[in-house]
Protein backbone atom coordinates (compact mmCIF):
# COMPACT_ATOMS: atom_id res chain seq x y z
CA UNK A 1 -86.54 -194.19 253.83
CA UNK A 2 -90.35 -194.21 253.51
CA UNK A 3 -90.63 -191.73 256.36
CA UNK A 4 -88.25 -189.32 254.56
CA UNK A 5 -90.26 -189.62 251.36
CA UNK A 6 -93.52 -188.87 253.16
CA UNK A 7 -91.91 -185.88 254.87
CA UNK A 8 -90.74 -184.55 251.44
CA UNK A 9 -94.18 -184.91 249.93
CA UNK A 10 -95.78 -183.10 252.90
CA UNK A 11 -93.25 -180.27 252.54
CA UNK A 12 -94.03 -179.83 248.86
CA UNK A 13 -97.75 -179.70 249.55
CA UNK A 14 -97.23 -177.09 252.17
CA UNK A 15 -95.00 -175.02 249.90
CA UNK A 16 -97.63 -175.15 247.12
CA UNK A 17 -100.34 -174.00 249.54
CA UNK A 18 -98.24 -171.05 250.64
CA UNK A 19 -97.53 -169.88 247.06
CA UNK A 20 -99.70 -166.87 246.29
CA UNK A 21 -102.35 -167.31 243.60
CA UNK A 22 -102.09 -164.56 240.93
CA UNK A 23 -104.77 -161.90 241.39
CA UNK A 24 -107.01 -160.73 238.54
CA UNK A 25 -104.83 -157.65 238.16
CA UNK A 26 -101.68 -159.76 237.91
CA UNK A 27 -103.23 -162.02 235.33
CA UNK A 28 -104.25 -158.98 233.28
CA UNK A 29 -100.71 -157.63 233.56
CA UNK A 30 -99.28 -160.94 232.38
CA UNK A 31 -101.72 -161.03 229.47
CA UNK A 32 -100.87 -157.48 228.50
CA UNK A 33 -97.18 -158.19 228.55
CA UNK A 34 -97.61 -161.24 226.33
CA UNK A 35 -99.69 -159.39 223.74
CA UNK A 36 -97.00 -156.78 223.25
CA UNK A 37 -94.54 -159.44 222.16
CA UNK A 38 -92.89 -158.42 218.87
CA UNK A 39 -93.71 -161.72 217.16
CA UNK A 40 -97.38 -161.39 218.06
CA UNK A 41 -97.55 -157.84 216.68
CA UNK A 42 -95.90 -158.92 213.47
CA UNK A 43 -98.41 -161.70 213.06
CA UNK A 44 -101.28 -159.27 213.62
CA UNK A 45 -100.04 -156.86 210.94
CA UNK A 46 -99.31 -159.75 208.64
CA UNK A 47 -102.83 -161.11 209.01
CA UNK A 48 -104.37 -157.69 208.35
CA UNK A 49 -102.25 -157.24 205.27
CA UNK A 50 -103.12 -160.73 204.04
CA UNK A 51 -106.84 -160.13 204.57
CA UNK A 52 -106.74 -156.89 202.64
CA UNK A 53 -104.74 -158.46 199.83
CA UNK A 54 -107.21 -161.35 199.68
CA UNK A 55 -110.11 -158.90 199.49
CA UNK A 56 -108.58 -157.29 196.43
CA UNK A 57 -107.91 -160.66 194.83
CA UNK A 58 -111.38 -162.15 195.19
CA UNK A 59 -114.01 -161.74 192.46
CA UNK A 60 -117.01 -159.57 193.22
CA UNK A 61 -119.61 -161.49 191.26
CA UNK A 62 -122.42 -158.86 191.25
CA UNK A 63 -120.25 -156.50 189.14
CA UNK A 64 -120.24 -159.16 186.42
CA UNK A 65 -124.01 -159.84 186.56
CA UNK A 66 -126.32 -157.11 185.23
CA UNK A 67 -129.26 -158.50 187.20
CA UNK A 68 -127.55 -157.20 190.36
CA UNK A 69 -126.53 -153.66 189.37
CA UNK A 70 -129.80 -153.07 187.52
CA UNK A 71 -131.41 -153.44 190.94
CA UNK A 72 -129.58 -150.76 192.98
CA UNK A 73 -130.72 -151.84 196.46
CA UNK A 74 -129.75 -155.47 195.84
CA UNK A 75 -126.37 -154.34 194.50
CA UNK A 76 -125.82 -152.09 197.53
CA UNK A 77 -126.56 -154.95 199.88
CA UNK A 78 -123.84 -156.97 198.19
CA UNK A 79 -121.41 -154.08 198.55
CA UNK A 80 -122.32 -153.81 202.18
CA UNK A 81 -121.68 -157.51 202.84
CA UNK A 82 -118.39 -157.64 200.94
CA UNK A 83 -116.78 -154.24 201.44
CA UNK A 84 -118.57 -152.74 204.41
CA UNK A 85 -120.48 -150.15 202.41
CA UNK A 86 -122.73 -148.21 204.81
CA UNK A 87 -126.24 -149.33 204.03
CA UNK A 88 -129.67 -147.97 204.92
CA UNK A 89 -132.82 -146.92 203.12
CA UNK A 90 -131.14 -143.63 202.25
CA UNK A 91 -128.15 -145.30 200.53
CA UNK A 92 -128.10 -144.81 196.79
CA UNK A 93 -125.89 -145.30 193.71
CA UNK A 94 -124.81 -141.93 192.28
CA UNK A 95 -122.71 -143.25 189.45
CA UNK A 96 -122.43 -146.63 187.76
CA UNK A 97 -120.45 -146.56 184.50
CA UNK A 98 -117.57 -147.96 182.52
CA UNK A 99 -114.51 -145.74 182.33
CA UNK A 100 -110.95 -145.71 181.07
CA UNK A 101 -107.95 -144.90 183.23
CA UNK A 102 -104.38 -144.03 182.36
CA UNK A 103 -102.08 -147.05 182.51
CA UNK A 104 -104.71 -149.74 182.04
CA UNK A 105 -105.64 -151.09 178.58
CA UNK A 106 -109.03 -152.47 179.49
CA UNK A 107 -111.92 -150.34 180.75
CA UNK A 108 -113.03 -150.45 184.40
CA UNK A 109 -116.29 -150.12 186.36
CA UNK A 110 -116.70 -146.94 188.41
CA UNK A 111 -119.30 -146.96 191.16
CA UNK A 112 -119.94 -143.99 193.43
CA UNK A 113 -122.34 -144.56 196.34
CA UNK A 114 -123.95 -142.15 198.78
CA UNK A 115 -124.64 -143.51 202.26
CA UNK A 116 -124.63 -142.73 205.99
CA UNK A 117 -121.35 -141.63 207.38
CA UNK A 118 -119.31 -144.28 209.19
CA UNK A 119 -117.13 -141.92 211.24
CA UNK A 120 -117.71 -139.25 213.88
CA UNK A 121 -118.00 -136.37 211.42
CA UNK A 122 -121.02 -134.14 211.56
CA UNK A 123 -121.70 -134.88 207.91
CA UNK A 124 -124.78 -137.16 207.83
CA UNK A 125 -123.93 -138.70 204.42
CA UNK A 126 -120.70 -139.57 202.60
CA UNK A 127 -119.67 -140.71 199.15
CA UNK A 128 -117.72 -143.99 198.71
CA UNK A 129 -116.05 -144.85 195.41
CA UNK A 130 -115.24 -148.27 194.01
CA UNK A 131 -113.20 -149.13 190.95
CA UNK A 132 -113.39 -152.70 189.60
CA UNK A 133 -111.63 -154.27 186.62
CA UNK A 134 -113.68 -156.24 184.10
CA UNK A 135 -112.84 -159.50 185.88
CA UNK A 136 -114.54 -158.33 189.06
CA UNK A 137 -111.43 -157.50 191.12
CA UNK A 138 -111.52 -154.42 193.32
CA UNK A 139 -108.85 -151.91 192.22
CA UNK A 140 -109.60 -149.01 194.54
CA UNK A 141 -111.91 -147.97 197.32
CA UNK A 142 -112.07 -144.46 198.75
CA UNK A 143 -114.30 -141.96 200.56
CA UNK A 144 -114.17 -138.58 198.89
CA UNK A 145 -116.35 -135.49 198.64
CA UNK A 146 -115.65 -135.27 194.88
CA UNK A 147 -114.69 -138.06 192.46
CA UNK A 148 -114.40 -137.83 188.70
CA UNK A 149 -112.25 -138.72 185.67
CA UNK A 150 -110.39 -135.68 184.32
CA UNK A 151 -109.18 -135.14 180.71
CA UNK A 152 -106.14 -136.99 179.45
CA UNK A 153 -102.67 -135.84 180.47
CA UNK A 154 -100.67 -138.15 178.22
CA UNK A 155 -102.24 -140.52 175.66
CA UNK A 156 -105.95 -139.86 175.60
CA UNK A 157 -106.57 -141.76 178.82
CA UNK A 158 -108.21 -139.99 181.80
CA UNK A 159 -106.92 -139.77 185.33
CA UNK A 160 -109.04 -140.61 188.34
CA UNK A 161 -109.36 -137.63 190.67
CA UNK A 162 -110.72 -137.50 194.19
CA UNK A 163 -110.96 -134.73 196.76
CA UNK A 164 -110.89 -135.95 200.35
CA UNK A 165 -111.46 -134.01 203.54
CA UNK A 166 -111.45 -134.50 207.27
CA UNK A 167 -114.16 -133.87 209.84
CA UNK A 168 -113.06 -130.25 210.15
CA UNK A 169 -113.67 -129.49 206.47
CA UNK A 170 -110.07 -129.46 205.28
CA UNK A 171 -108.78 -131.64 202.49
CA UNK A 172 -106.65 -132.30 199.37
CA UNK A 173 -106.85 -133.47 195.78
CA UNK A 174 -105.57 -136.90 194.74
CA UNK A 175 -104.84 -138.08 191.22
CA UNK A 176 -104.57 -141.77 190.38
CA UNK A 177 -103.28 -143.82 187.46
CA UNK A 178 -102.87 -147.58 187.10
CA UNK A 179 -99.31 -148.75 187.53
CA UNK A 180 -97.68 -152.01 188.51
CA UNK A 181 -100.98 -153.76 189.22
CA UNK A 182 -102.57 -151.06 191.37
CA UNK A 183 -103.78 -147.49 191.46
CA UNK A 184 -101.17 -145.03 192.75
CA UNK A 185 -101.37 -141.33 193.58
CA UNK A 186 -99.19 -139.62 190.99
CA UNK A 187 -98.49 -136.57 193.14
CA UNK A 188 -94.88 -137.20 194.24
CA UNK A 189 -95.36 -135.53 197.57
CA UNK A 190 -96.08 -136.71 201.12
CA UNK A 191 -99.69 -136.32 202.22
CA UNK A 192 -98.55 -133.98 205.01
CA UNK A 193 -97.02 -131.68 202.37
CA UNK A 194 -99.86 -131.81 199.87
CA UNK A 195 -101.30 -128.27 199.69
CA UNK A 196 -104.74 -127.83 201.16
CA UNK A 197 -107.15 -127.51 198.25
CA UNK A 198 -110.48 -128.10 200.04
CA UNK A 199 -111.67 -125.85 202.86
CA UNK A 200 -115.22 -125.16 204.09
CA UNK A 201 -114.25 -124.28 207.65
CA UNK A 202 -114.40 -120.49 208.27
CA UNK A 203 -112.60 -120.88 211.62
CA UNK A 204 -109.30 -120.84 209.72
CA UNK A 205 -109.92 -117.23 208.71
CA UNK A 206 -111.40 -118.09 205.31
CA UNK A 207 -112.72 -120.71 202.92
CA UNK A 208 -112.31 -121.60 199.27
CA UNK A 209 -114.92 -120.32 196.86
CA UNK A 210 -116.91 -123.31 195.58
CA UNK A 211 -115.41 -125.25 198.58
CA UNK A 212 -112.32 -126.42 196.65
CA UNK A 213 -109.80 -125.43 193.96
CA UNK A 214 -110.74 -126.34 190.42
CA UNK A 215 -108.57 -128.58 188.29
CA UNK A 216 -107.06 -127.45 184.96
CA UNK A 217 -104.92 -129.43 182.47
CA UNK A 218 -102.37 -127.10 180.84
CA UNK A 219 -98.84 -127.22 179.40
CA UNK A 220 -97.55 -124.68 181.88
CA UNK A 221 -93.86 -124.78 180.96
CA UNK A 222 -94.39 -125.34 177.19
CA UNK A 223 -92.42 -128.57 177.13
CA UNK A 224 -95.00 -130.52 175.13
CA UNK A 225 -96.39 -132.32 178.22
CA UNK A 226 -99.57 -131.36 179.98
CA UNK A 227 -99.38 -130.40 183.63
CA UNK A 228 -101.97 -130.24 186.46
CA UNK A 229 -102.98 -126.88 187.85
CA UNK A 230 -105.21 -126.29 190.91
CA UNK A 231 -106.66 -122.79 190.80
CA UNK A 232 -109.32 -120.80 192.60
CA UNK A 233 -110.13 -118.09 195.10
CA UNK A 234 -109.48 -117.93 198.84
CA UNK A 235 -112.18 -115.89 200.56
CA UNK A 236 -110.77 -113.97 203.51
CA UNK A 237 -113.39 -113.75 206.26
CA UNK A 238 -111.28 -111.98 208.92
CA UNK A 239 -109.90 -108.44 208.46
CA UNK A 240 -107.26 -109.06 211.08
CA UNK A 241 -108.82 -106.63 213.49
CA UNK A 242 -111.40 -108.92 214.95
CA UNK A 243 -114.19 -108.29 212.49
CA UNK A 244 -115.71 -111.37 210.79
CA UNK A 245 -117.34 -111.35 207.36
CA UNK A 246 -119.84 -113.78 205.89
CA UNK A 247 -118.98 -116.04 202.92
CA UNK A 248 -121.47 -114.16 200.76
CA UNK A 249 -119.62 -110.88 201.37
CA UNK A 250 -115.97 -111.69 202.22
CA UNK A 251 -113.40 -109.14 203.34
CA UNK A 252 -111.45 -109.88 200.16
CA UNK A 253 -110.76 -112.69 197.66
CA UNK A 254 -107.19 -113.84 197.01
CA UNK A 255 -106.07 -115.84 193.95
CA UNK A 256 -104.65 -119.27 194.76
CA UNK A 257 -102.79 -121.49 192.29
CA UNK A 258 -100.72 -124.65 192.65
CA UNK A 259 -98.83 -126.04 189.61
CA UNK A 260 -97.77 -129.69 189.36
CA UNK A 261 -95.40 -130.06 186.43
CA UNK A 262 -95.01 -133.38 184.68
CA UNK A 263 -91.51 -134.85 184.51
CA UNK A 264 -91.42 -137.42 181.70
CA UNK A 265 -88.22 -139.13 182.84
CA UNK A 266 -89.62 -139.82 186.33
CA UNK A 267 -93.23 -140.06 185.17
CA UNK A 268 -94.38 -138.00 188.16
CA UNK A 269 -95.96 -134.59 188.78
CA UNK A 270 -93.94 -132.32 191.05
CA UNK A 271 -95.27 -129.27 192.90
CA UNK A 272 -93.45 -126.13 191.78
CA UNK A 273 -92.31 -123.72 194.47
């Protein structure tokens, strides 16, 4: 009996020695397979969402303490630590003011910073906007070429407008109001279908005069509700026969206008065809 047991142990040892040890490539393959597990991916997205939600829930103390924002560089350092604001000696605060926004009873803090670009664009500097409520909670963060509060559309409360663009110099307008605890873009269109309203890239055959379309608040359809109109000139720089023209002396200038009519029942602005 003992002899059989010893023989079995020896066989198992031999079998173990003959089993191949996973190579580095095999281990990497196993690891890669494990990380694509659906449960793991769900946890990753859940964690990211939770972190972002927590960031918007926490109180940004410097916005409540005038000793911070009266010293711009100290305030910018706090923004850099908390929200990743690009920071260097060239970073500056362009705007720091209290504002009103449609949908929110209390006023908010509007901060617009100018700092080094954080992407691969050729633009050396970029503007980053922050909106905080009076309790120090971040309501909105964006990177836009233009940011301002436009005249009231409904009840004497302004709308927050930004104009964003990509690295190629093409972009769109966005209009935000406060609704259901957050800022939402009130254009009821998908971003892919939002008309281009910012263009500084002549490779597309032309550019917008003043870089982007201007914003006008008008009651276009005379229904008693103000609408949003984007209007301007498209400078044609190609005559279609291979000749290129400079921006200062374009081939021709074409009128461009987009009308977003307000629908009171849906409380949205829809692009008219």
